[in-house]
N, C-alpha and C. Protein backbone atom coordinates (compact mmCIF):
# COMPACT_ATOMS: atom_id res chain seq x y z
N MET A 1 72.86 32.96 -125.61
CA MET A 1 71.45 33.33 -125.73
C MET A 1 71.27 34.79 -125.28
N THR A 2 70.56 35.54 -126.07
CA THR A 2 70.27 36.95 -125.77
C THR A 2 68.75 37.15 -125.66
N ARG A 3 68.38 38.02 -124.76
CA ARG A 3 66.96 38.38 -124.62
C ARG A 3 66.73 39.72 -125.28
N PHE A 4 65.86 39.73 -126.26
CA PHE A 4 65.55 40.95 -127.01
C PHE A 4 64.18 41.46 -126.65
N VAL A 5 64.08 42.71 -126.26
CA VAL A 5 62.80 43.36 -126.02
C VAL A 5 62.52 44.26 -127.22
N LEU A 6 61.45 44.00 -127.92
CA LEU A 6 61.17 44.59 -129.23
C LEU A 6 60.07 45.62 -129.12
N ILE A 7 60.40 46.89 -129.36
CA ILE A 7 59.46 48.01 -129.23
C ILE A 7 58.92 48.37 -130.59
N PRO A 8 57.60 48.39 -130.77
CA PRO A 8 57.02 48.75 -132.07
C PRO A 8 57.02 50.26 -132.28
N GLY A 9 56.62 50.64 -133.48
CA GLY A 9 56.49 52.05 -133.82
C GLY A 9 55.09 52.55 -133.59
N ALA A 10 54.65 53.52 -134.41
CA ALA A 10 53.35 54.14 -134.22
C ALA A 10 52.24 53.13 -134.23
N GLY A 11 51.29 53.31 -133.31
CA GLY A 11 50.20 52.36 -133.14
C GLY A 11 50.47 51.35 -132.05
N GLY A 12 51.73 51.01 -131.87
CA GLY A 12 52.15 50.17 -130.74
C GLY A 12 51.87 48.69 -130.87
N ALA A 13 51.59 48.20 -132.07
CA ALA A 13 51.25 46.76 -132.21
C ALA A 13 52.50 45.91 -132.12
N GLY A 14 52.58 45.12 -131.06
CA GLY A 14 53.70 44.20 -130.94
C GLY A 14 53.75 43.18 -132.06
N TRP A 15 52.61 42.95 -132.68
CA TRP A 15 52.53 42.03 -133.84
C TRP A 15 53.55 42.40 -134.90
N TYR A 16 53.89 43.67 -135.03
CA TYR A 16 54.83 44.11 -136.05
C TYR A 16 56.10 43.27 -136.03
N TRP A 17 56.52 42.83 -134.85
CA TRP A 17 57.78 42.12 -134.71
C TRP A 17 57.65 40.61 -134.82
N HIS A 18 56.46 40.08 -135.16
CA HIS A 18 56.26 38.64 -135.00
C HIS A 18 57.17 37.81 -135.89
N ARG A 19 57.50 38.28 -137.08
CA ARG A 19 58.37 37.48 -137.97
C ARG A 19 59.81 37.46 -137.47
N VAL A 20 60.25 38.59 -136.95
CA VAL A 20 61.60 38.66 -136.37
C VAL A 20 61.66 37.84 -135.09
N ALA A 21 60.62 37.94 -134.26
CA ALA A 21 60.58 37.17 -132.99
C ALA A 21 60.69 35.66 -133.28
N GLU A 22 59.98 35.20 -134.28
CA GLU A 22 60.04 33.77 -134.64
C GLU A 22 61.45 33.39 -135.06
N GLY A 23 62.09 34.24 -135.84
CA GLY A 23 63.45 33.95 -136.30
C GLY A 23 64.45 33.95 -135.15
N LEU A 24 64.32 34.86 -134.22
CA LEU A 24 65.23 34.90 -133.08
C LEU A 24 65.05 33.67 -132.19
N ARG A 25 63.80 33.29 -131.97
CA ARG A 25 63.55 32.10 -131.14
C ARG A 25 64.08 30.84 -131.80
N ALA A 26 64.00 30.79 -133.13
CA ALA A 26 64.53 29.61 -133.86
C ALA A 26 66.02 29.49 -133.68
N ARG A 27 66.69 30.57 -133.34
CA ARG A 27 68.13 30.54 -133.12
C ARG A 27 68.50 30.45 -131.65
N GLY A 28 67.51 30.22 -130.82
CA GLY A 28 67.79 29.98 -129.40
C GLY A 28 67.76 31.23 -128.54
N HIS A 29 67.30 32.33 -129.06
CA HIS A 29 67.21 33.56 -128.29
C HIS A 29 65.80 33.72 -127.71
N ILE A 30 65.67 34.66 -126.81
CA ILE A 30 64.38 35.04 -126.26
C ILE A 30 63.95 36.36 -126.90
N ALA A 31 62.74 36.39 -127.42
CA ALA A 31 62.21 37.58 -128.05
C ALA A 31 60.92 37.99 -127.38
N VAL A 32 60.85 39.26 -126.98
CA VAL A 32 59.66 39.76 -126.27
C VAL A 32 59.13 40.98 -127.02
N PRO A 33 58.18 40.76 -127.94
CA PRO A 33 57.55 41.93 -128.58
C PRO A 33 56.60 42.61 -127.59
N VAL A 34 56.75 43.91 -127.44
CA VAL A 34 55.93 44.66 -126.50
C VAL A 34 54.76 45.29 -127.23
N ASP A 35 53.57 45.19 -126.64
CA ASP A 35 52.38 45.79 -127.21
C ASP A 35 52.10 47.07 -126.42
N LEU A 36 51.92 48.17 -127.14
CA LEU A 36 51.71 49.47 -126.51
C LEU A 36 50.38 50.05 -126.95
N PRO A 37 49.74 50.84 -126.09
CA PRO A 37 48.47 51.48 -126.46
C PRO A 37 48.71 52.61 -127.46
N GLY A 38 47.87 52.71 -128.46
CA GLY A 38 48.03 53.78 -129.43
C GLY A 38 47.79 55.17 -128.88
N ASP A 39 47.07 55.25 -127.75
CA ASP A 39 46.75 56.56 -127.17
C ASP A 39 47.56 56.86 -125.92
N GLY A 40 48.68 56.17 -125.75
CA GLY A 40 49.50 56.34 -124.55
C GLY A 40 50.40 57.57 -124.59
N ARG A 41 50.90 57.94 -123.45
CA ARG A 41 51.91 58.98 -123.28
C ARG A 41 53.30 58.33 -123.20
N LEU A 42 54.33 59.10 -123.44
CA LEU A 42 55.68 58.53 -123.44
C LEU A 42 56.03 57.87 -122.09
N PRO A 43 55.70 58.49 -120.94
CA PRO A 43 55.95 57.77 -119.68
C PRO A 43 55.22 56.43 -119.57
N ASP A 44 54.02 56.36 -120.15
CA ASP A 44 53.30 55.09 -120.14
C ASP A 44 54.08 54.03 -120.93
N TYR A 45 54.54 54.42 -122.11
CA TYR A 45 55.31 53.46 -122.94
C TYR A 45 56.57 53.03 -122.22
N ARG A 46 57.26 54.01 -121.65
CA ARG A 46 58.48 53.69 -120.90
C ARG A 46 58.20 52.67 -119.81
N ASP A 47 57.18 52.88 -119.04
CA ASP A 47 56.90 51.99 -117.90
C ASP A 47 56.50 50.60 -118.37
N ILE A 48 55.76 50.50 -119.47
CA ILE A 48 55.39 49.18 -120.00
C ILE A 48 56.62 48.41 -120.42
N VAL A 49 57.55 49.09 -121.08
CA VAL A 49 58.78 48.41 -121.52
C VAL A 49 59.65 48.06 -120.31
N LEU A 50 59.76 48.98 -119.36
CA LEU A 50 60.56 48.68 -118.16
C LEU A 50 60.04 47.44 -117.45
N ALA A 51 58.74 47.22 -117.45
CA ALA A 51 58.16 46.05 -116.78
C ALA A 51 58.56 44.76 -117.48
N GLU A 52 58.97 44.84 -118.74
CA GLU A 52 59.38 43.64 -119.48
C GLU A 52 60.88 43.37 -119.41
N LEU A 53 61.66 44.34 -118.97
CA LEU A 53 63.11 44.20 -119.00
C LEU A 53 63.62 43.32 -117.87
N GLN A 54 64.61 42.51 -118.19
CA GLN A 54 65.27 41.66 -117.22
C GLN A 54 66.77 41.70 -117.46
N GLY A 55 67.53 42.08 -116.48
CA GLY A 55 68.99 41.98 -116.58
C GLY A 55 69.56 42.67 -117.81
N SER A 56 70.35 41.92 -118.57
CA SER A 56 71.10 42.50 -119.67
C SER A 56 70.39 42.31 -121.02
N ASP A 57 69.17 42.82 -121.12
CA ASP A 57 68.41 42.73 -122.35
C ASP A 57 68.93 43.69 -123.40
N VAL A 58 68.68 43.33 -124.66
CA VAL A 58 68.90 44.25 -125.77
C VAL A 58 67.54 44.84 -126.16
N VAL A 59 67.46 46.15 -126.21
CA VAL A 59 66.25 46.85 -126.59
C VAL A 59 66.32 47.16 -128.08
N VAL A 60 65.32 46.78 -128.82
CA VAL A 60 65.25 47.03 -130.27
C VAL A 60 64.04 47.89 -130.54
N ALA A 61 64.26 49.04 -131.19
CA ALA A 61 63.19 50.02 -131.34
C ALA A 61 62.95 50.37 -132.79
N GLN A 62 61.69 50.25 -133.21
CA GLN A 62 61.26 50.59 -134.59
C GLN A 62 60.65 51.98 -134.60
N SER A 63 61.08 52.83 -135.53
CA SER A 63 60.43 54.11 -135.85
C SER A 63 60.15 54.92 -134.59
N LEU A 64 58.89 55.23 -134.30
CA LEU A 64 58.52 56.01 -133.13
C LEU A 64 59.05 55.38 -131.84
N GLY A 65 59.25 54.06 -131.86
CA GLY A 65 59.78 53.38 -130.68
C GLY A 65 61.12 53.89 -130.21
N GLY A 66 61.83 54.61 -131.06
CA GLY A 66 63.11 55.19 -130.65
C GLY A 66 62.97 56.12 -129.46
N PHE A 67 61.85 56.84 -129.39
CA PHE A 67 61.62 57.72 -128.23
C PHE A 67 61.37 56.91 -126.98
N THR A 68 60.64 55.81 -127.10
CA THR A 68 60.43 54.95 -125.95
C THR A 68 61.76 54.40 -125.45
N ALA A 69 62.61 53.98 -126.40
CA ALA A 69 63.94 53.46 -126.02
C ALA A 69 64.73 54.51 -125.27
N GLY A 70 64.68 55.76 -125.73
CA GLY A 70 65.37 56.82 -125.04
C GLY A 70 64.86 57.00 -123.61
N ALA A 71 63.52 57.02 -123.46
CA ALA A 71 62.94 57.19 -122.14
C ALA A 71 63.32 56.04 -121.21
N VAL A 72 63.37 54.84 -121.75
CA VAL A 72 63.80 53.65 -120.96
C VAL A 72 65.23 53.87 -120.46
N CYS A 73 66.09 54.40 -121.33
CA CYS A 73 67.48 54.62 -120.94
C CYS A 73 67.65 55.71 -119.91
N GLY A 74 66.59 56.51 -119.69
CA GLY A 74 66.62 57.48 -118.62
C GLY A 74 66.43 56.85 -117.25
N VAL A 75 66.03 55.59 -117.22
CA VAL A 75 65.79 54.88 -115.97
C VAL A 75 66.77 53.76 -115.76
N THR A 76 67.12 53.03 -116.82
CA THR A 76 68.02 51.89 -116.70
C THR A 76 68.91 51.85 -117.93
N ARG A 77 69.95 51.03 -117.86
CA ARG A 77 70.86 50.92 -118.97
C ARG A 77 70.78 49.50 -119.56
N PRO A 78 70.12 49.34 -120.70
CA PRO A 78 70.07 48.01 -121.35
C PRO A 78 71.49 47.60 -121.80
N ALA A 79 71.62 46.33 -122.13
CA ALA A 79 72.91 45.87 -122.68
C ALA A 79 73.24 46.60 -123.96
N ALA A 80 72.22 46.92 -124.74
CA ALA A 80 72.39 47.67 -125.99
C ALA A 80 71.02 48.19 -126.43
N VAL A 81 71.07 49.19 -127.29
CA VAL A 81 69.87 49.68 -127.97
C VAL A 81 70.12 49.58 -129.46
N VAL A 82 69.21 48.95 -130.17
CA VAL A 82 69.30 48.85 -131.62
C VAL A 82 68.11 49.63 -132.21
N PHE A 83 68.44 50.67 -132.95
CA PHE A 83 67.41 51.44 -133.64
C PHE A 83 67.16 50.85 -135.02
N VAL A 84 65.93 50.66 -135.39
CA VAL A 84 65.55 50.13 -136.71
C VAL A 84 64.64 51.14 -137.40
N ASN A 85 65.16 51.80 -138.43
CA ASN A 85 64.39 52.84 -139.11
C ASN A 85 63.73 53.77 -138.12
N ALA A 86 64.50 54.20 -137.14
CA ALA A 86 63.93 54.80 -135.93
C ALA A 86 64.12 56.29 -135.83
N MET A 87 63.24 56.92 -135.05
CA MET A 87 63.38 58.30 -134.61
C MET A 87 64.33 58.30 -133.42
N ILE A 88 65.49 58.86 -133.61
CA ILE A 88 66.51 58.87 -132.55
C ILE A 88 66.42 60.22 -131.84
N PRO A 89 66.05 60.25 -130.57
CA PRO A 89 65.91 61.51 -129.86
C PRO A 89 67.21 62.00 -129.25
N VAL A 90 67.21 63.28 -128.89
CA VAL A 90 68.23 63.82 -128.01
C VAL A 90 67.55 64.17 -126.70
N PRO A 91 68.31 64.32 -125.60
CA PRO A 91 67.67 64.55 -124.30
C PRO A 91 66.76 65.77 -124.31
N GLY A 92 65.56 65.56 -123.77
CA GLY A 92 64.60 66.65 -123.63
C GLY A 92 63.75 66.91 -124.85
N GLU A 93 64.04 66.28 -125.96
CA GLU A 93 63.30 66.52 -127.21
C GLU A 93 61.93 65.83 -127.13
N THR A 94 60.96 66.43 -127.80
CA THR A 94 59.66 65.80 -127.93
C THR A 94 59.51 65.19 -129.33
N VAL A 95 58.55 64.29 -129.45
CA VAL A 95 58.24 63.71 -130.75
C VAL A 95 57.84 64.83 -131.71
N GLY A 96 57.03 65.75 -131.23
CA GLY A 96 56.60 66.84 -132.08
C GLY A 96 57.73 67.72 -132.60
N GLU A 97 58.75 67.90 -131.77
CA GLU A 97 59.90 68.71 -132.17
C GLU A 97 60.83 67.98 -133.13
N TRP A 98 60.91 66.67 -132.99
CA TRP A 98 61.89 65.87 -133.74
C TRP A 98 61.81 66.12 -135.24
N TRP A 99 60.62 66.13 -135.80
CA TRP A 99 60.45 66.23 -137.25
C TRP A 99 61.17 67.44 -137.83
N GLY A 100 60.94 68.60 -137.22
CA GLY A 100 61.58 69.81 -137.71
C GLY A 100 63.06 69.88 -137.37
N ASN A 101 63.43 69.36 -136.20
CA ASN A 101 64.82 69.42 -135.77
C ASN A 101 65.74 68.65 -136.72
N VAL A 102 65.26 67.54 -137.26
CA VAL A 102 66.10 66.72 -138.13
C VAL A 102 65.82 66.91 -139.61
N GLY A 103 64.75 67.65 -139.93
CA GLY A 103 64.38 67.84 -141.33
C GLY A 103 63.81 66.62 -141.99
N ALA A 104 62.96 65.88 -141.24
CA ALA A 104 62.45 64.61 -141.74
C ALA A 104 61.55 64.77 -142.97
N GLU A 105 60.66 65.74 -142.94
CA GLU A 105 59.75 65.90 -144.06
C GLU A 105 60.48 66.35 -145.32
N GLU A 106 61.42 67.24 -145.16
CA GLU A 106 62.20 67.69 -146.30
C GLU A 106 62.99 66.54 -146.90
N ALA A 107 63.55 65.68 -146.06
CA ALA A 107 64.31 64.54 -146.56
C ALA A 107 63.41 63.56 -147.30
N ARG A 108 62.21 63.34 -146.77
CA ARG A 108 61.28 62.42 -147.43
C ARG A 108 60.92 62.93 -148.84
N VAL A 109 60.59 64.19 -148.93
CA VAL A 109 60.19 64.77 -150.23
C VAL A 109 61.36 64.76 -151.20
N ALA A 110 62.54 65.11 -150.71
CA ALA A 110 63.72 65.19 -151.58
C ALA A 110 64.08 63.83 -152.19
N ALA A 111 63.75 62.76 -151.48
CA ALA A 111 64.13 61.42 -151.93
C ALA A 111 63.12 60.79 -152.90
N VAL A 112 61.98 61.45 -153.13
CA VAL A 112 60.96 60.88 -154.01
C VAL A 112 61.54 60.56 -155.38
N ASP A 113 61.30 59.32 -155.82
CA ASP A 113 61.86 58.88 -157.09
C ASP A 113 60.88 57.90 -157.77
N GLY A 114 59.98 58.43 -158.57
CA GLY A 114 59.07 57.58 -159.31
C GLY A 114 57.84 57.10 -158.55
N TYR A 115 57.59 57.67 -157.39
CA TYR A 115 56.39 57.33 -156.61
C TYR A 115 55.82 58.64 -156.07
N PRO A 116 54.58 58.64 -155.63
CA PRO A 116 53.92 59.91 -155.24
C PRO A 116 54.58 60.60 -154.05
N GLU A 117 54.66 61.90 -154.13
CA GLU A 117 55.17 62.70 -153.02
C GLU A 117 54.19 62.73 -151.86
N GLU A 118 52.90 62.77 -152.18
CA GLU A 118 51.88 62.79 -151.13
C GLU A 118 51.88 61.46 -150.39
N PHE A 119 51.84 61.54 -149.05
CA PHE A 119 51.92 60.32 -148.25
C PHE A 119 50.67 59.44 -148.41
N ASP A 120 50.89 58.16 -148.59
CA ASP A 120 49.86 57.15 -148.40
C ASP A 120 50.54 55.89 -147.88
N GLU A 121 49.78 55.09 -147.17
CA GLU A 121 50.39 53.96 -146.45
C GLU A 121 51.03 52.95 -147.37
N PHE A 122 50.39 52.66 -148.50
CA PHE A 122 50.99 51.65 -149.41
C PHE A 122 52.32 52.15 -149.95
N THR A 123 52.37 53.37 -150.43
CA THR A 123 53.57 53.90 -151.06
C THR A 123 54.73 53.97 -150.06
N TYR A 124 54.45 54.38 -148.84
CA TYR A 124 55.53 54.65 -147.92
C TYR A 124 55.78 53.56 -146.88
N PHE A 125 54.81 52.72 -146.61
CA PHE A 125 54.97 51.68 -145.61
C PHE A 125 54.88 50.26 -146.13
N LEU A 126 53.96 50.02 -147.06
CA LEU A 126 53.63 48.63 -147.45
C LEU A 126 54.15 48.21 -148.80
N HIS A 127 54.87 49.09 -149.48
CA HIS A 127 55.26 48.80 -150.87
C HIS A 127 56.08 47.54 -151.04
N ASP A 128 56.82 47.11 -150.00
CA ASP A 128 57.64 45.90 -150.13
C ASP A 128 57.25 44.82 -149.13
N VAL A 129 56.11 45.00 -148.45
CA VAL A 129 55.60 43.99 -147.52
C VAL A 129 54.77 42.97 -148.30
N PRO A 130 55.02 41.66 -148.10
CA PRO A 130 54.23 40.67 -148.83
C PRO A 130 52.72 40.91 -148.60
N PRO A 131 51.91 40.79 -149.67
CA PRO A 131 50.49 41.11 -149.53
C PRO A 131 49.78 40.32 -148.44
N ASP A 132 50.14 39.04 -148.25
CA ASP A 132 49.46 38.25 -147.24
C ASP A 132 49.79 38.76 -145.83
N ILE A 133 51.02 39.22 -145.64
CA ILE A 133 51.43 39.77 -144.35
C ILE A 133 50.71 41.10 -144.10
N ALA A 134 50.65 41.93 -145.14
CA ALA A 134 49.96 43.20 -145.01
C ALA A 134 48.47 42.98 -144.68
N ALA A 135 47.85 41.98 -145.31
CA ALA A 135 46.44 41.68 -145.04
C ALA A 135 46.25 41.19 -143.60
N GLU A 136 47.17 40.35 -143.15
CA GLU A 136 47.11 39.87 -141.77
C GLU A 136 47.19 41.01 -140.77
N GLY A 137 48.01 42.01 -141.11
CA GLY A 137 48.22 43.12 -140.22
C GLY A 137 47.03 44.05 -140.06
N GLU A 138 46.06 43.95 -140.98
CA GLU A 138 44.91 44.84 -140.89
C GLU A 138 44.17 44.68 -139.56
N SER A 139 44.08 43.45 -139.07
CA SER A 139 43.36 43.21 -137.82
C SER A 139 44.19 43.61 -136.59
N GLU A 140 45.46 43.88 -136.79
CA GLU A 140 46.35 44.24 -135.69
C GLU A 140 46.53 45.75 -135.53
N ARG A 141 46.01 46.49 -136.47
CA ARG A 141 46.25 47.93 -136.52
C ARG A 141 45.63 48.66 -135.34
N LYS A 142 46.37 49.64 -134.84
CA LYS A 142 45.85 50.57 -133.83
C LYS A 142 46.26 51.98 -134.26
N GLU A 143 45.36 52.91 -134.11
CA GLU A 143 45.68 54.30 -134.48
C GLU A 143 46.55 54.93 -133.41
N GLN A 144 47.55 55.67 -133.85
CA GLN A 144 48.40 56.40 -132.95
C GLN A 144 47.85 57.82 -132.77
N THR A 145 47.53 58.18 -131.54
CA THR A 145 47.05 59.53 -131.26
C THR A 145 48.25 60.46 -131.07
N ASP A 146 47.94 61.76 -130.94
CA ASP A 146 49.00 62.74 -130.71
C ASP A 146 49.33 62.92 -129.25
N ALA A 147 48.81 62.05 -128.38
CA ALA A 147 49.05 62.20 -126.96
C ALA A 147 50.52 62.23 -126.60
N ILE A 148 51.32 61.49 -127.35
CA ILE A 148 52.73 61.35 -127.06
C ILE A 148 53.53 62.56 -127.54
N ALA A 149 52.97 63.40 -128.40
CA ALA A 149 53.75 64.38 -129.17
C ALA A 149 54.49 65.40 -128.32
N ALA A 150 53.93 65.80 -127.19
CA ALA A 150 54.51 66.88 -126.39
C ALA A 150 55.32 66.42 -125.21
N ASP A 151 55.48 65.09 -125.03
CA ASP A 151 56.20 64.57 -123.88
C ASP A 151 57.71 64.59 -124.14
N PRO A 152 58.51 65.30 -123.31
CA PRO A 152 59.96 65.30 -123.52
C PRO A 152 60.56 63.92 -123.23
N CYS A 153 61.55 63.58 -123.98
CA CYS A 153 62.27 62.31 -123.77
C CYS A 153 63.37 62.56 -122.77
N VAL A 154 63.16 62.09 -121.56
CA VAL A 154 64.08 62.38 -120.47
C VAL A 154 65.09 61.26 -120.32
N PHE A 155 66.33 61.55 -120.68
CA PHE A 155 67.45 60.61 -120.52
C PHE A 155 68.73 61.39 -120.64
N GLY A 156 69.86 60.73 -120.38
CA GLY A 156 71.14 61.43 -120.33
C GLY A 156 71.95 61.45 -121.61
N GLY A 157 71.39 60.96 -122.68
CA GLY A 157 72.14 60.91 -123.94
C GLY A 157 72.65 59.52 -124.22
N TRP A 158 73.33 59.39 -125.37
CA TRP A 158 73.72 58.08 -125.86
C TRP A 158 75.19 57.72 -125.60
N ASP A 159 75.95 58.62 -124.99
CA ASP A 159 77.39 58.39 -124.85
C ASP A 159 77.71 57.11 -124.08
N ASP A 160 76.90 56.80 -123.06
CA ASP A 160 77.20 55.65 -122.21
C ASP A 160 76.36 54.42 -122.57
N ILE A 161 75.67 54.48 -123.68
CA ILE A 161 74.81 53.35 -124.12
C ILE A 161 75.43 52.73 -125.38
N ALA A 162 75.46 51.40 -125.40
CA ALA A 162 75.88 50.69 -126.60
C ALA A 162 74.77 50.79 -127.64
N VAL A 163 75.04 51.50 -128.74
CA VAL A 163 74.02 51.81 -129.73
C VAL A 163 74.40 51.20 -131.09
N LYS A 164 73.40 50.60 -131.74
CA LYS A 164 73.56 50.19 -133.15
C LYS A 164 72.36 50.76 -133.90
N VAL A 165 72.57 51.04 -135.17
CA VAL A 165 71.52 51.64 -135.98
C VAL A 165 71.37 50.83 -137.27
N LEU A 166 70.17 50.32 -137.49
CA LEU A 166 69.88 49.51 -138.68
C LEU A 166 68.89 50.28 -139.56
N VAL A 167 69.24 50.40 -140.83
CA VAL A 167 68.49 51.22 -141.76
C VAL A 167 68.05 50.35 -142.95
N GLY A 168 66.80 50.49 -143.36
CA GLY A 168 66.33 49.86 -144.57
C GLY A 168 66.70 50.69 -145.77
N ALA A 169 67.43 50.09 -146.70
CA ALA A 169 67.90 50.86 -147.87
C ALA A 169 66.75 51.40 -148.70
N ASP A 170 65.59 50.78 -148.60
CA ASP A 170 64.45 51.15 -149.42
C ASP A 170 63.37 51.89 -148.64
N ASP A 171 63.73 52.40 -147.47
CA ASP A 171 62.78 53.15 -146.65
C ASP A 171 62.45 54.45 -147.36
N ARG A 172 61.20 54.65 -147.71
CA ARG A 172 60.75 55.86 -148.36
C ARG A 172 60.30 56.92 -147.37
N PHE A 173 59.95 56.51 -146.17
CA PHE A 173 59.45 57.43 -145.15
C PHE A 173 60.62 58.16 -144.46
N PHE A 174 61.59 57.38 -144.02
CA PHE A 174 62.85 57.93 -143.49
C PHE A 174 63.97 57.45 -144.43
N PRO A 175 64.26 58.17 -145.48
CA PRO A 175 65.23 57.70 -146.49
C PRO A 175 66.59 57.36 -145.85
N ALA A 176 67.25 56.39 -146.43
CA ALA A 176 68.48 55.83 -145.85
C ALA A 176 69.54 56.90 -145.59
N GLU A 177 69.80 57.78 -146.53
CA GLU A 177 70.85 58.78 -146.33
C GLU A 177 70.47 59.72 -145.19
N PHE A 178 69.21 60.06 -145.09
CA PHE A 178 68.72 60.87 -143.97
C PHE A 178 68.96 60.17 -142.65
N GLN A 179 68.63 58.90 -142.57
CA GLN A 179 68.83 58.16 -141.33
C GLN A 179 70.29 58.07 -140.97
N ARG A 180 71.15 57.85 -141.97
CA ARG A 180 72.57 57.75 -141.68
C ARG A 180 73.11 59.06 -141.12
N ARG A 181 72.66 60.16 -141.69
CA ARG A 181 73.09 61.47 -141.16
C ARG A 181 72.64 61.66 -139.72
N VAL A 182 71.37 61.41 -139.46
CA VAL A 182 70.83 61.62 -138.12
C VAL A 182 71.54 60.71 -137.11
N ALA A 183 71.77 59.45 -137.48
CA ALA A 183 72.44 58.52 -136.57
C ALA A 183 73.84 59.03 -136.21
N LEU A 184 74.57 59.50 -137.20
CA LEU A 184 75.93 59.98 -136.94
C LEU A 184 75.92 61.23 -136.11
N GLU A 185 75.01 62.14 -136.40
CA GLU A 185 74.93 63.39 -135.66
C GLU A 185 74.51 63.18 -134.21
N ARG A 186 73.63 62.24 -133.99
CA ARG A 186 73.03 62.12 -132.66
C ARG A 186 73.66 61.06 -131.79
N THR A 187 74.25 60.05 -132.39
CA THR A 187 74.86 58.97 -131.59
C THR A 187 76.33 58.77 -131.89
N GLY A 188 76.82 59.32 -132.98
CA GLY A 188 78.19 59.09 -133.39
C GLY A 188 78.40 57.74 -134.02
N VAL A 189 77.33 57.02 -134.28
CA VAL A 189 77.40 55.65 -134.80
C VAL A 189 77.09 55.66 -136.30
N ALA A 190 77.90 54.93 -137.05
CA ALA A 190 77.64 54.74 -138.48
C ALA A 190 76.56 53.67 -138.64
N ALA A 191 75.50 53.99 -139.33
CA ALA A 191 74.39 53.06 -139.47
C ALA A 191 74.76 51.91 -140.40
N ASP A 192 74.15 50.76 -140.15
CA ASP A 192 74.26 49.60 -141.04
C ASP A 192 73.00 49.54 -141.89
N VAL A 193 73.17 49.14 -143.14
CA VAL A 193 72.06 49.18 -144.09
C VAL A 193 71.79 47.80 -144.66
N ILE A 194 70.51 47.43 -144.68
CA ILE A 194 70.07 46.18 -145.28
C ILE A 194 68.92 46.46 -146.25
N PRO A 195 68.65 45.54 -147.17
CA PRO A 195 67.49 45.76 -148.06
C PRO A 195 66.18 45.78 -147.30
N GLY A 196 65.29 46.66 -147.67
CA GLY A 196 63.99 46.71 -147.03
C GLY A 196 63.49 48.12 -146.86
N GLY A 197 62.17 48.25 -146.73
CA GLY A 197 61.55 49.54 -146.54
C GLY A 197 61.35 49.88 -145.08
N HIS A 198 60.43 50.80 -144.79
CA HIS A 198 60.25 51.28 -143.42
C HIS A 198 59.83 50.16 -142.49
N LEU A 199 58.99 49.24 -142.96
CA LEU A 199 58.54 48.12 -142.13
C LEU A 199 59.38 46.89 -142.42
N VAL A 200 60.68 47.05 -142.26
CA VAL A 200 61.63 46.01 -142.67
C VAL A 200 61.48 44.72 -141.87
N ALA A 201 60.97 44.79 -140.65
CA ALA A 201 60.77 43.57 -139.87
C ALA A 201 59.67 42.71 -140.46
N LEU A 202 58.80 43.29 -141.28
CA LEU A 202 57.78 42.52 -141.99
C LEU A 202 58.23 42.13 -143.38
N SER A 203 58.99 42.99 -144.04
CA SER A 203 59.36 42.75 -145.45
C SER A 203 60.62 41.94 -145.59
N ASN A 204 61.55 42.07 -144.65
CA ASN A 204 62.83 41.33 -144.73
C ASN A 204 63.28 40.87 -143.37
N PRO A 205 62.45 40.06 -142.69
CA PRO A 205 62.76 39.65 -141.31
C PRO A 205 64.03 38.87 -141.18
N ASP A 206 64.37 38.06 -142.17
CA ASP A 206 65.58 37.24 -142.06
C ASP A 206 66.82 38.11 -141.93
N ALA A 207 66.86 39.21 -142.69
CA ALA A 207 68.01 40.09 -142.62
C ALA A 207 68.09 40.80 -141.26
N VAL A 208 66.93 41.14 -140.69
CA VAL A 208 66.91 41.75 -139.36
C VAL A 208 67.40 40.75 -138.32
N VAL A 209 66.95 39.51 -138.42
CA VAL A 209 67.38 38.46 -137.49
C VAL A 209 68.88 38.24 -137.63
N ASP A 210 69.38 38.15 -138.84
CA ASP A 210 70.82 37.98 -139.03
C ASP A 210 71.59 39.11 -138.36
N TYR A 211 71.09 40.30 -138.48
CA TYR A 211 71.80 41.46 -137.87
C TYR A 211 71.78 41.38 -136.37
N LEU A 212 70.64 41.06 -135.79
CA LEU A 212 70.52 41.03 -134.35
C LEU A 212 71.23 39.84 -133.72
N ALA A 213 71.13 38.69 -134.39
CA ALA A 213 71.62 37.46 -133.79
C ALA A 213 73.07 37.17 -134.11
């Protein structure tokens, strides 16, 4: 049995992980989706997650949650960190700096293939999420403010942390090849790829559960 602490991305809605959490519990694991305030600072997010950690937990981080995972590792060492379509920081980097440092926007635009280049939520986030799940999520939405953008991610790097990287092959926001490059450059880990878009825990939860469990 493994205890998984599940960190959401922008907006901080722990609901994002509910389908994966159900699947993990069905297999006898403990799943703890963390709910974060949309207007929080990175130290706030770190402390909320630290309060949920027990012993040898596995931390799983979606998208913006990668920065929270890094900040957590500045205080304690989880059994492992699993990045899921995540922003992987380097020590001292801010969320605001990350985009330019890794070329995220350029990668997104370069990968456009038959869908609009201009960002909209359906095209880039919800295109493969079942409509009923997307509708359910409307009541769970929280806006992410820029409060977190300037906070440096304080930790010692990934060399002493067991890291895995899971990438959605159909992620339009952080394209798969972009994610694989960033993962290798920043952690030395070759990413694993499964079908699914940016919100893969909603669109293909069974594959995420299979990977984690």
